[in-house]
């Protein structure tokens, strides 16, 4: 899924996918390092998570985020 989203974000150009590691393109929200990296990434951000939906903050459900 990360590869597909990365290609969509770059209009199908695979150079970004080949040159930037997964953990930088779609950092894990559950880790402090991943959270900090995600906050620093350019928008639109790709964020990875295995958290159950009931643990997401309420503000998430009122946002324009895609899941």
Protein backbone atom coordinates (compact mmCIF):
# COMPACT_ATOMS: atom_id res chain seq x y z
CA UNK A 1 0.00 0.00 0.00
CA UNK A 2 2.88 2.36 0.80
CA UNK A 3 4.35 1.87 -2.67
CA UNK A 4 1.00 2.56 -4.34
CA UNK A 5 0.39 5.70 -2.28
CA UNK A 6 3.94 6.90 -2.91
CA UNK A 7 3.47 6.51 -6.67
CA UNK A 8 0.12 8.32 -6.54
CA UNK A 9 1.69 11.17 -4.57
CA UNK A 10 4.47 11.49 -7.17
CA UNK A 11 2.14 11.19 -10.21
CA UNK A 12 3.53 7.75 -11.08
CA UNK A 13 7.21 8.75 -11.03
CA UNK A 14 9.11 5.89 -9.29
CA UNK A 15 12.30 7.89 -8.58
CA UNK A 16 11.08 9.01 -5.13
CA UNK A 17 10.11 5.42 -4.20
CA UNK A 18 13.53 4.16 -5.25
CA UNK A 19 15.54 6.87 -3.52
CA UNK A 20 13.68 7.40 -0.20
CA UNK A 21 13.36 4.49 2.28
CA UNK A 22 9.92 3.30 3.40
CA UNK A 23 10.34 4.57 6.95
CA UNK A 24 10.87 8.10 5.64
CA UNK A 25 8.03 8.06 3.09
CA UNK A 26 5.45 6.56 5.46
CA UNK A 27 6.72 6.65 9.05
CA UNK A 28 4.98 4.65 11.79
CA UNK A 29 2.72 6.80 13.93
CA UNK A 30 3.14 4.49 16.96
CA UNK A 31 6.79 5.42 17.53
CA UNK A 32 8.13 8.75 18.75
CA UNK A 33 10.68 8.87 15.92
CA UNK A 34 7.98 8.06 13.36
CA UNK A 35 5.66 10.71 14.81
CA UNK A 36 8.38 13.35 14.63
CA UNK A 37 9.34 12.33 11.11
CA UNK A 38 5.70 12.40 9.97
CA UNK A 39 5.24 15.91 11.36
CA UNK A 40 8.27 17.06 9.40
CA UNK A 41 7.24 15.49 6.08
CA UNK A 42 5.75 17.64 3.36
CA UNK A 43 2.00 17.56 2.86
CA UNK A 44 0.14 15.53 1.81
CA UNK A 45 1.70 13.14 4.30
CA UNK A 46 1.71 9.37 4.17
CA UNK A 47 1.58 7.84 7.65
CA UNK A 48 1.65 4.13 8.50
CA UNK A 49 -0.09 2.65 11.51
CA UNK A 50 -1.41 -0.62 12.88
CA UNK A 51 -3.35 1.07 15.67
CA UNK A 52 -6.96 -0.02 16.05
CA UNK A 53 -9.34 2.67 14.90
CA UNK A 54 -10.76 3.22 18.40
CA UNK A 55 -7.31 4.45 19.57
CA UNK A 56 -7.13 7.26 17.04
CA UNK A 57 -7.82 10.76 18.42
CA UNK A 58 -11.34 12.13 17.94
CA UNK A 59 -9.99 15.02 15.89
CA UNK A 60 -8.90 12.51 13.25
CA UNK A 61 -12.49 11.63 12.41
CA UNK A 62 -13.39 15.25 11.76
CA UNK A 63 -10.38 15.84 9.50
CA UNK A 64 -10.00 15.40 5.75
CA UNK A 65 -7.55 12.50 6.22
CA UNK A 66 -7.97 9.50 3.96
CA UNK A 67 -7.83 6.03 5.47
